[in-house]
Amino acid sequence: MDYTQALNDLRDGKIDEIEVTPAVFPEFQKAWANFAYQNTIRGIAHAHGKVTYVRSN
């Protein structure tokens, strides 16, 4: 998955959420570290290391 595109799509309202599991977190982290609009996205932690990212309102 292209997490940079997914983060931009989430910020722009094209998608509602991104689900990240521990298995794919390293790949997601690379995109997140370079994402200039981190303050527009929030993560919601779930059991077993799963995180759902949604737009902040």
N, C-alpha and C. Protein backbone atom coordinates (compact mmCIF):
# COMPACT_ATOMS: atom_id res chain seq x y z
N MET A 1 0.85 -1.19 0.00
CA MET A 1 0.00 0.00 0.00
C MET A 1 0.89 1.24 0.00
N ASP A 2 0.47 2.26 -0.73
CA ASP A 2 1.18 3.54 -0.75
C ASP A 2 0.61 4.40 0.39
N TYR A 3 1.31 4.39 1.54
CA TYR A 3 0.80 5.11 2.70
C TYR A 3 0.88 6.62 2.55
N THR A 4 1.82 7.11 1.76
CA THR A 4 1.87 8.55 1.51
C THR A 4 0.60 8.99 0.80
N GLN A 5 0.20 8.26 -0.22
CA GLN A 5 -1.04 8.58 -0.93
C GLN A 5 -2.24 8.40 -0.01
N ALA A 6 -2.23 7.35 0.79
CA ALA A 6 -3.36 7.11 1.70
C ALA A 6 -3.49 8.24 2.71
N LEU A 7 -2.39 8.74 3.24
CA LEU A 7 -2.44 9.85 4.20
C LEU A 7 -2.98 11.12 3.52
N ASN A 8 -2.55 11.37 2.30
CA ASN A 8 -3.07 12.52 1.57
C ASN A 8 -4.55 12.36 1.27
N ASP A 9 -4.97 11.15 0.88
CA ASP A 9 -6.39 10.89 0.63
C ASP A 9 -7.21 11.06 1.89
N LEU A 10 -6.68 10.63 3.02
CA LEU A 10 -7.37 10.79 4.30
C LEU A 10 -7.50 12.27 4.64
N ARG A 11 -6.44 13.02 4.50
CA ARG A 11 -6.46 14.46 4.77
C ARG A 11 -7.46 15.17 3.88
N ASP A 12 -7.54 14.76 2.61
CA ASP A 12 -8.43 15.41 1.65
C ASP A 12 -9.87 14.91 1.72
N GLY A 13 -10.15 13.92 2.57
CA GLY A 13 -11.51 13.41 2.72
C GLY A 13 -11.91 12.38 1.68
N LYS A 14 -10.97 11.88 0.90
CA LYS A 14 -11.28 10.88 -0.11
C LYS A 14 -11.51 9.50 0.50
N ILE A 15 -10.89 9.25 1.65
CA ILE A 15 -11.13 8.02 2.41
C ILE A 15 -11.42 8.41 3.85
N ASP A 16 -12.03 7.51 4.61
CA ASP A 16 -12.43 7.82 5.98
C ASP A 16 -11.42 7.40 7.03
N GLU A 17 -10.62 6.38 6.72
CA GLU A 17 -9.68 5.89 7.73
C GLU A 17 -8.59 5.04 7.10
N ILE A 18 -7.51 4.88 7.85
CA ILE A 18 -6.43 3.97 7.49
C ILE A 18 -6.22 3.07 8.70
N GLU A 19 -6.28 1.77 8.50
CA GLU A 19 -6.02 0.82 9.57
C GLU A 19 -4.60 0.30 9.44
N VAL A 20 -3.84 0.40 10.54
CA VAL A 20 -2.44 -0.02 10.54
C VAL A 20 -2.26 -1.09 11.60
N THR A 21 -1.71 -2.21 11.19
CA THR A 21 -1.41 -3.31 12.11
C THR A 21 0.09 -3.29 12.41
N PRO A 22 0.51 -3.99 13.47
CA PRO A 22 1.93 -4.03 13.77
C PRO A 22 2.78 -4.57 12.62
N ALA A 23 2.24 -5.46 11.81
CA ALA A 23 3.00 -6.04 10.71
C ALA A 23 3.37 -5.01 9.65
N VAL A 24 2.53 -4.01 9.42
CA VAL A 24 2.80 -3.02 8.39
C VAL A 24 3.24 -1.67 8.95
N PHE A 25 3.33 -1.58 10.28
CA PHE A 25 3.68 -0.30 10.90
C PHE A 25 5.01 0.26 10.41
N PRO A 26 6.08 -0.53 10.25
CA PRO A 26 7.34 0.06 9.77
C PRO A 26 7.19 0.76 8.42
N GLU A 27 6.41 0.19 7.53
CA GLU A 27 6.17 0.81 6.23
C GLU A 27 5.36 2.11 6.39
N PHE A 28 4.32 2.05 7.24
CA PHE A 28 3.51 3.24 7.51
C PHE A 28 4.35 4.33 8.15
N GLN A 29 5.21 3.97 9.08
CA GLN A 29 6.02 4.94 9.82
C GLN A 29 6.88 5.79 8.89
N LYS A 30 7.41 5.19 7.84
CA LYS A 30 8.23 5.94 6.88
C LYS A 30 7.41 7.05 6.22
N ALA A 31 6.18 6.74 5.84
CA ALA A 31 5.32 7.76 5.23
C ALA A 31 4.90 8.79 6.26
N TRP A 32 4.58 8.34 7.48
CA TRP A 32 4.13 9.25 8.54
C TRP A 32 5.22 10.24 8.92
N ALA A 33 6.46 9.79 9.00
CA ALA A 33 7.57 10.66 9.38
C ALA A 33 7.77 11.80 8.38
N ASN A 34 7.41 11.58 7.12
CA ASN A 34 7.58 12.59 6.09
C ASN A 34 6.30 13.35 5.77
N PHE A 35 5.23 13.05 6.49
CA PHE A 35 3.93 13.67 6.22
C PHE A 35 3.85 15.02 6.93
N ALA A 36 3.75 16.08 6.16
CA ALA A 36 3.80 17.44 6.71
C ALA A 36 2.53 17.86 7.46
N TYR A 37 1.47 17.11 7.33
CA TYR A 37 0.18 17.51 7.91
C TYR A 37 -0.25 16.57 9.04
N GLN A 38 0.69 16.15 9.86
CA GLN A 38 0.38 15.21 10.95
C GLN A 38 -0.71 15.75 11.88
N ASN A 39 -0.78 17.07 12.04
CA ASN A 39 -1.78 17.64 12.94
C ASN A 39 -3.20 17.53 12.40
N THR A 40 -3.37 17.09 11.16
CA THR A 40 -4.71 16.94 10.58
C THR A 40 -5.24 15.52 10.72
N ILE A 41 -4.40 14.62 11.26
CA ILE A 41 -4.73 13.20 11.39
C ILE A 41 -4.56 12.80 12.84
N ARG A 42 -5.44 11.93 13.33
CA ARG A 42 -5.25 11.39 14.69
C ARG A 42 -5.37 9.88 14.65
N GLY A 43 -4.64 9.26 15.54
CA GLY A 43 -4.66 7.81 15.64
C GLY A 43 -5.48 7.35 16.82
N ILE A 44 -6.22 6.29 16.63
CA ILE A 44 -7.04 5.69 17.69
C ILE A 44 -6.49 4.28 17.91
N ALA A 45 -5.93 4.06 19.09
CA ALA A 45 -5.30 2.77 19.39
C ALA A 45 -6.35 1.73 19.76
N HIS A 46 -6.11 0.51 19.32
CA HIS A 46 -6.97 -0.63 19.63
C HIS A 46 -6.11 -1.74 20.22
N ALA A 47 -6.75 -2.80 20.62
CA ALA A 47 -6.04 -3.95 21.18
C ALA A 47 -5.10 -4.58 20.15
N HIS A 48 -4.07 -5.20 20.64
CA HIS A 48 -3.11 -5.96 19.83
C HIS A 48 -2.32 -5.10 18.86
N GLY A 49 -2.13 -3.81 19.19
CA GLY A 49 -1.28 -2.94 18.40
C GLY A 49 -1.90 -2.34 17.16
N LYS A 50 -3.16 -2.56 16.94
CA LYS A 50 -3.83 -2.01 15.76
C LYS A 50 -4.15 -0.53 16.03
N VAL A 51 -3.93 0.32 15.03
CA VAL A 51 -4.24 1.74 15.14
C VAL A 51 -5.06 2.16 13.91
N THR A 52 -6.13 2.90 14.16
CA THR A 52 -6.95 3.44 13.08
C THR A 52 -6.67 4.93 13.02
N TYR A 53 -6.28 5.42 11.85
CA TYR A 53 -6.01 6.84 11.64
C TYR A 53 -7.21 7.47 10.94
N VAL A 54 -7.67 8.61 11.49
CA VAL A 54 -8.82 9.33 10.95
C VAL A 54 -8.48 10.81 10.89
N ARG A 55 -9.28 11.56 10.15
CA ARG A 55 -9.09 13.01 10.10
C ARG A 55 -9.46 13.63 11.42
N SER A 56 -8.69 14.62 11.85
CA SER A 56 -9.03 15.41 13.02
C SER A 56 -10.05 16.47 12.62
N ASN A 57 -10.96 16.75 13.49
CA ASN A 57 -11.97 17.80 13.18
C ASN A 57 -11.70 19.03 13.98
